N, C-alpha and C. Protein backbone atom coordinates (compact mmCIF):
# COMPACT_ATOMS: atom_id res chain seq x y z
N MET A 1 68.90 -39.34 86.89
CA MET A 1 69.46 -39.93 88.09
C MET A 1 68.61 -39.49 89.28
N ASN A 2 68.19 -40.45 90.08
CA ASN A 2 67.38 -40.07 91.23
C ASN A 2 68.27 -39.60 92.38
N VAL A 3 67.65 -39.14 93.43
CA VAL A 3 68.37 -38.51 94.53
C VAL A 3 69.31 -39.50 95.21
N LYS A 4 68.86 -40.75 95.39
CA LYS A 4 69.71 -41.74 96.04
C LYS A 4 70.98 -42.00 95.25
N GLN A 5 70.84 -42.15 93.95
CA GLN A 5 72.01 -42.40 93.11
C GLN A 5 72.93 -41.19 93.09
N GLU A 6 72.35 -40.02 93.09
CA GLU A 6 73.16 -38.80 93.10
C GLU A 6 73.95 -38.68 94.40
N LEU A 7 73.29 -39.01 95.51
CA LEU A 7 73.97 -38.99 96.81
C LEU A 7 75.11 -40.01 96.84
N GLN A 8 74.87 -41.20 96.33
CA GLN A 8 75.92 -42.22 96.31
C GLN A 8 77.10 -41.76 95.47
N ALA A 9 76.82 -41.15 94.32
CA ALA A 9 77.90 -40.66 93.46
C ALA A 9 78.69 -39.56 94.17
N LEU A 10 78.00 -38.68 94.86
CA LEU A 10 78.69 -37.62 95.60
C LEU A 10 79.55 -38.18 96.72
N TYR A 11 79.03 -39.19 97.42
CA TYR A 11 79.82 -39.81 98.49
C TYR A 11 81.07 -40.49 97.93
N ARG A 12 80.93 -41.15 96.77
CA ARG A 12 82.10 -41.77 96.13
C ARG A 12 83.13 -40.72 95.75
N THR A 13 82.67 -39.62 95.17
CA THR A 13 83.57 -38.54 94.78
C THR A 13 84.24 -37.93 96.00
N LEU A 14 83.47 -37.75 97.07
CA LEU A 14 84.02 -37.20 98.31
C LEU A 14 85.11 -38.11 98.86
N ASP A 15 84.88 -39.40 98.82
CA ASP A 15 85.88 -40.36 99.30
C ASP A 15 87.16 -40.28 98.47
N LYS A 16 87.01 -40.16 97.16
CA LYS A 16 88.18 -40.03 96.28
C LYS A 16 88.96 -38.75 96.59
N ARG A 17 88.24 -37.65 96.80
CA ARG A 17 88.91 -36.38 97.10
C ARG A 17 89.63 -36.45 98.44
N ARG A 18 89.04 -37.13 99.41
CA ARG A 18 89.71 -37.28 100.72
C ARG A 18 90.98 -38.10 100.58
N ASN A 19 90.91 -39.16 99.78
CA ASN A 19 92.12 -39.97 99.55
C ASN A 19 93.19 -39.15 98.83
N THR A 20 92.78 -38.33 97.87
CA THR A 20 93.72 -37.47 97.16
C THR A 20 94.35 -36.47 98.13
N LEU A 21 93.54 -35.94 99.04
CA LEU A 21 94.04 -34.98 100.03
C LEU A 21 95.10 -35.62 100.92
N VAL A 22 94.85 -36.82 101.39
CA VAL A 22 95.81 -37.52 102.26
C VAL A 22 97.12 -37.77 101.51
N ALA A 23 97.01 -38.21 100.27
CA ALA A 23 98.21 -38.47 99.46
C ALA A 23 98.99 -37.18 99.20
N ALA A 24 98.29 -36.09 98.91
CA ALA A 24 98.94 -34.82 98.64
C ALA A 24 99.61 -34.27 99.90
N GLU A 25 98.99 -34.47 101.05
CA GLU A 25 99.60 -34.01 102.30
C GLU A 25 100.88 -34.78 102.59
N LYS A 26 100.90 -36.06 102.26
CA LYS A 26 102.12 -36.85 102.45
C LYS A 26 103.24 -36.38 101.53
N ARG A 27 102.87 -35.91 100.31
CA ARG A 27 103.85 -35.43 99.34
C ARG A 27 104.21 -33.97 99.57
N PHE A 28 103.52 -33.29 100.47
CA PHE A 28 103.68 -31.85 100.72
C PHE A 28 103.39 -31.04 99.46
N ASP A 29 102.36 -31.45 98.72
CA ASP A 29 101.95 -30.77 97.49
C ASP A 29 100.82 -29.80 97.84
N GLN A 30 101.19 -28.54 98.11
CA GLN A 30 100.23 -27.57 98.62
C GLN A 30 99.15 -27.19 97.60
N VAL A 31 99.48 -27.20 96.33
CA VAL A 31 98.51 -26.85 95.29
C VAL A 31 97.36 -27.88 95.28
N VAL A 32 97.72 -29.15 95.28
CA VAL A 32 96.72 -30.21 95.26
C VAL A 32 95.94 -30.24 96.58
N VAL A 33 96.62 -29.96 97.69
CA VAL A 33 95.95 -29.93 99.00
C VAL A 33 94.87 -28.85 99.01
N GLY A 34 95.21 -27.67 98.52
CA GLY A 34 94.23 -26.57 98.49
C GLY A 34 93.04 -26.90 97.60
N GLN A 35 93.32 -27.44 96.42
CA GLN A 35 92.24 -27.80 95.49
C GLN A 35 91.36 -28.89 96.08
N SER A 36 91.96 -29.89 96.72
CA SER A 36 91.20 -30.99 97.32
C SER A 36 90.30 -30.48 98.43
N ARG A 37 90.81 -29.58 99.24
CA ARG A 37 89.99 -29.02 100.34
C ARG A 37 88.81 -28.23 99.79
N ARG A 38 89.04 -27.46 98.72
CA ARG A 38 87.92 -26.71 98.10
C ARG A 38 86.88 -27.68 97.53
N ASP A 39 87.36 -28.73 96.87
CA ASP A 39 86.45 -29.73 96.31
C ASP A 39 85.65 -30.42 97.40
N ILE A 40 86.32 -30.76 98.50
CA ILE A 40 85.63 -31.43 99.62
C ILE A 40 84.54 -30.53 100.19
N LYS A 41 84.83 -29.24 100.37
CA LYS A 41 83.82 -28.31 100.89
C LYS A 41 82.63 -28.22 99.94
N GLU A 42 82.90 -28.12 98.64
CA GLU A 42 81.85 -28.01 97.65
C GLU A 42 80.96 -29.26 97.61
N ILE A 43 81.59 -30.42 97.63
CA ILE A 43 80.84 -31.68 97.60
C ILE A 43 80.01 -31.84 98.87
N THR A 44 80.58 -31.45 100.00
CA THR A 44 79.86 -31.54 101.28
C THR A 44 78.61 -30.65 101.25
N LYS A 45 78.73 -29.46 100.67
CA LYS A 45 77.57 -28.57 100.55
C LYS A 45 76.49 -29.19 99.67
N GLN A 46 76.91 -29.82 98.57
CA GLN A 46 75.94 -30.48 97.69
C GLN A 46 75.22 -31.61 98.41
N ILE A 47 75.97 -32.39 99.18
CA ILE A 47 75.37 -33.50 99.94
C ILE A 47 74.36 -32.96 100.94
N GLU A 48 74.72 -31.91 101.67
CA GLU A 48 73.80 -31.32 102.65
C GLU A 48 72.53 -30.81 101.97
N ARG A 49 72.69 -30.18 100.80
CA ARG A 49 71.53 -29.67 100.07
C ARG A 49 70.59 -30.81 99.67
N LEU A 50 71.17 -31.90 99.17
CA LEU A 50 70.34 -33.05 98.78
C LEU A 50 69.65 -33.67 99.98
N LYS A 51 70.34 -33.76 101.11
CA LYS A 51 69.73 -34.32 102.31
C LYS A 51 68.58 -33.45 102.81
N GLU A 52 68.74 -32.14 102.74
CA GLU A 52 67.66 -31.24 103.14
C GLU A 52 66.47 -31.39 102.22
N THR A 53 66.72 -31.53 100.93
CA THR A 53 65.65 -31.72 99.95
C THR A 53 64.90 -33.01 100.24
N THR A 54 65.64 -34.07 100.51
CA THR A 54 65.03 -35.36 100.81
C THR A 54 64.20 -35.27 102.09
N ALA A 55 64.73 -34.61 103.11
CA ALA A 55 64.00 -34.47 104.37
C ALA A 55 62.72 -33.67 104.19
N SER A 56 62.77 -32.60 103.41
CA SER A 56 61.57 -31.79 103.20
C SER A 56 60.53 -32.56 102.39
N ASP A 57 60.98 -33.34 101.39
CA ASP A 57 60.06 -34.17 100.62
C ASP A 57 59.38 -35.20 101.52
N MET A 58 60.17 -35.80 102.40
CA MET A 58 59.63 -36.83 103.30
C MET A 58 58.63 -36.22 104.27
N SER A 59 58.93 -35.03 104.79
CA SER A 59 58.00 -34.41 105.74
C SER A 59 56.71 -33.98 105.05
N SER A 60 56.80 -33.53 103.81
CA SER A 60 55.57 -33.14 103.10
C SER A 60 54.73 -34.38 102.77
N LYS A 61 55.40 -35.47 102.42
CA LYS A 61 54.69 -36.71 102.13
C LYS A 61 54.03 -37.26 103.40
N SER A 62 54.73 -37.17 104.53
CA SER A 62 54.14 -37.65 105.78
C SER A 62 52.96 -36.77 106.20
N ALA A 63 53.04 -35.49 105.92
CA ALA A 63 51.92 -34.60 106.23
C ALA A 63 50.69 -34.94 105.40
N GLN A 64 50.90 -35.28 104.12
CA GLN A 64 49.78 -35.68 103.27
C GLN A 64 49.14 -36.97 103.79
N ILE A 65 49.95 -37.89 104.21
CA ILE A 65 49.42 -39.17 104.70
C ILE A 65 48.71 -38.98 106.03
N LYS A 66 49.25 -38.16 106.91
CA LYS A 66 48.60 -37.89 108.20
C LYS A 66 47.26 -37.20 108.01
N ALA A 67 47.12 -36.45 106.92
CA ALA A 67 45.88 -35.72 106.66
C ALA A 67 44.75 -36.65 106.21
N MET A 68 45.06 -37.88 105.83
CA MET A 68 44.01 -38.82 105.43
C MET A 68 43.14 -39.14 106.64
N LYS A 69 41.85 -39.29 106.38
CA LYS A 69 40.87 -39.38 107.46
C LYS A 69 40.92 -40.69 108.23
N PHE A 70 41.31 -41.77 107.57
CA PHE A 70 41.22 -43.07 108.23
C PHE A 70 42.53 -43.84 108.11
N ASN A 71 42.92 -44.48 109.19
CA ASN A 71 44.08 -45.36 109.15
C ASN A 71 43.92 -46.48 110.16
N ARG A 72 44.51 -47.63 109.83
CA ARG A 72 44.52 -48.75 110.76
C ARG A 72 45.61 -49.72 110.36
N ALA A 73 46.01 -50.55 111.33
CA ALA A 73 47.02 -51.57 111.07
C ALA A 73 46.41 -52.65 110.19
N LEU A 74 47.21 -53.20 109.29
CA LEU A 74 46.73 -54.24 108.39
C LEU A 74 47.01 -55.61 108.98
N THR A 75 46.04 -56.51 108.82
CA THR A 75 46.23 -57.87 109.30
C THR A 75 47.19 -58.61 108.37
N LYS A 76 47.67 -59.76 108.84
CA LYS A 76 48.58 -60.57 108.02
C LYS A 76 47.89 -61.04 106.74
N ALA A 77 46.61 -61.36 106.82
CA ALA A 77 45.88 -61.80 105.63
C ALA A 77 45.77 -60.67 104.60
N GLU A 78 45.52 -59.46 105.08
CA GLU A 78 45.45 -58.30 104.18
C GLU A 78 46.82 -58.00 103.56
N GLN A 79 47.86 -58.16 104.37
CA GLN A 79 49.21 -57.93 103.86
C GLN A 79 49.58 -58.96 102.80
N ALA A 80 49.09 -60.17 102.97
CA ALA A 80 49.40 -61.24 102.02
C ALA A 80 48.77 -60.97 100.66
N ASP A 81 47.61 -60.32 100.64
CA ASP A 81 46.92 -60.04 99.38
C ASP A 81 46.67 -58.53 99.24
N LEU A 82 47.76 -57.77 99.17
CA LEU A 82 47.64 -56.32 99.08
C LEU A 82 47.00 -55.86 97.79
N GLY A 83 47.21 -56.60 96.72
CA GLY A 83 46.62 -56.22 95.44
C GLY A 83 45.10 -56.18 95.52
N LYS A 84 44.52 -57.20 96.11
CA LYS A 84 43.07 -57.26 96.27
C LYS A 84 42.57 -56.12 97.16
N LEU A 85 43.31 -55.87 98.25
CA LEU A 85 42.92 -54.80 99.17
C LEU A 85 42.98 -53.43 98.49
N LYS A 86 44.04 -53.18 97.73
CA LYS A 86 44.18 -51.89 97.06
C LYS A 86 43.12 -51.69 95.98
N LYS A 87 42.67 -52.79 95.35
CA LYS A 87 41.61 -52.66 94.36
C LYS A 87 40.27 -52.35 95.01
N SER A 88 40.06 -52.90 96.21
CA SER A 88 38.78 -52.68 96.88
C SER A 88 38.71 -51.31 97.56
N VAL A 89 39.86 -50.76 97.94
CA VAL A 89 39.89 -49.46 98.61
C VAL A 89 40.69 -48.50 97.74
N ARG A 90 40.01 -47.63 97.05
CA ARG A 90 40.68 -46.68 96.18
C ARG A 90 41.42 -45.63 97.02
N GLY A 91 42.63 -45.31 96.61
CA GLY A 91 43.40 -44.29 97.31
C GLY A 91 44.10 -44.80 98.56
N LEU A 92 44.19 -46.12 98.70
CA LEU A 92 44.85 -46.69 99.87
C LEU A 92 46.36 -46.53 99.75
N THR A 93 46.98 -46.07 100.83
CA THR A 93 48.43 -45.97 100.90
C THR A 93 48.89 -46.87 102.04
N VAL A 94 49.78 -47.80 101.74
CA VAL A 94 50.30 -48.72 102.73
C VAL A 94 51.71 -48.29 103.10
N VAL A 95 51.97 -48.17 104.40
CA VAL A 95 53.27 -47.72 104.87
C VAL A 95 53.86 -48.78 105.81
N HIS A 96 55.07 -49.22 105.49
CA HIS A 96 55.77 -50.20 106.32
C HIS A 96 56.61 -49.45 107.35
N PRO A 97 56.68 -49.94 108.58
CA PRO A 97 57.40 -49.20 109.62
C PRO A 97 58.91 -49.10 109.41
N LEU A 98 59.50 -49.97 108.59
CA LEU A 98 60.95 -49.94 108.40
C LEU A 98 61.40 -49.03 107.26
N THR A 99 60.45 -48.45 106.53
CA THR A 99 60.81 -47.51 105.48
C THR A 99 61.07 -46.13 106.10
N ALA A 100 61.65 -45.24 105.31
CA ALA A 100 61.92 -43.89 105.80
C ALA A 100 60.62 -43.18 106.19
N LEU A 101 59.59 -43.39 105.39
CA LEU A 101 58.29 -42.78 105.68
C LEU A 101 57.70 -43.37 106.96
N GLY A 102 57.84 -44.67 107.14
CA GLY A 102 57.35 -45.32 108.36
C GLY A 102 58.06 -44.82 109.60
N ARG A 103 59.36 -44.61 109.49
CA ARG A 103 60.11 -44.06 110.63
C ARG A 103 59.69 -42.62 110.90
N GLU A 104 59.43 -41.87 109.83
CA GLU A 104 58.99 -40.48 109.98
C GLU A 104 57.64 -40.42 110.71
N LEU A 105 56.75 -41.36 110.38
CA LEU A 105 55.42 -41.40 111.00
C LEU A 105 55.44 -42.14 112.33
N GLU A 106 56.59 -42.73 112.70
CA GLU A 106 56.77 -43.47 113.95
C GLU A 106 55.77 -44.62 114.07
N LEU A 107 55.69 -45.44 113.02
CA LEU A 107 54.78 -46.58 113.02
C LEU A 107 55.46 -47.79 113.65
N SER A 108 54.64 -48.67 114.21
CA SER A 108 55.19 -49.90 114.79
C SER A 108 54.74 -51.13 114.00
N GLU A 109 53.76 -50.97 113.13
CA GLU A 109 53.30 -52.09 112.30
C GLU A 109 52.82 -51.56 110.95
N VAL A 110 52.67 -52.47 109.99
CA VAL A 110 52.23 -52.07 108.65
C VAL A 110 50.84 -51.44 108.77
N THR A 111 50.73 -50.24 108.24
CA THR A 111 49.51 -49.46 108.40
C THR A 111 49.00 -48.98 107.06
N GLY A 112 47.68 -49.00 106.92
CA GLY A 112 47.04 -48.50 105.72
C GLY A 112 46.38 -47.17 106.00
N PHE A 113 46.51 -46.23 105.08
CA PHE A 113 45.90 -44.91 105.19
C PHE A 113 44.99 -44.70 104.00
N ALA A 114 43.79 -44.18 104.26
CA ALA A 114 42.84 -43.92 103.18
C ALA A 114 41.90 -42.79 103.58
N ASN A 115 41.21 -42.25 102.59
CA ASN A 115 40.25 -41.19 102.86
C ASN A 115 38.91 -41.72 103.33
N LYS A 116 38.62 -43.00 103.04
CA LYS A 116 37.38 -43.60 103.52
C LYS A 116 37.70 -44.86 104.33
N GLU A 117 36.80 -45.23 105.17
CA GLU A 117 37.01 -46.39 106.04
C GLU A 117 37.11 -47.67 105.23
N PHE A 118 37.99 -48.56 105.65
CA PHE A 118 38.14 -49.86 104.97
C PHE A 118 38.26 -50.95 105.99
């Protein structure tokens, strides 16, 4: 299971526990209320840990891309035939501004990063 799926599963579980907590509070069932609160705290900690892991992975990936020697915005023609462009430039990394990595790098247009000029 990848990180996104794991986060979604944790959020679903958290939502279920919150609903259980609300129902238990209405019934004045203190045992279930206490258990639900402990579960909610535990799930919240797991979610925070996964988010921190994702953020650190993203920052390390953005640092690797920033370290590449050459970058420039790609034209519409190059974007239309990315396969040909990637074959001609070995090690080319294309970053779209709407992806998480693009937002991390604060890009405004589709940009290609490579170790040699293209």
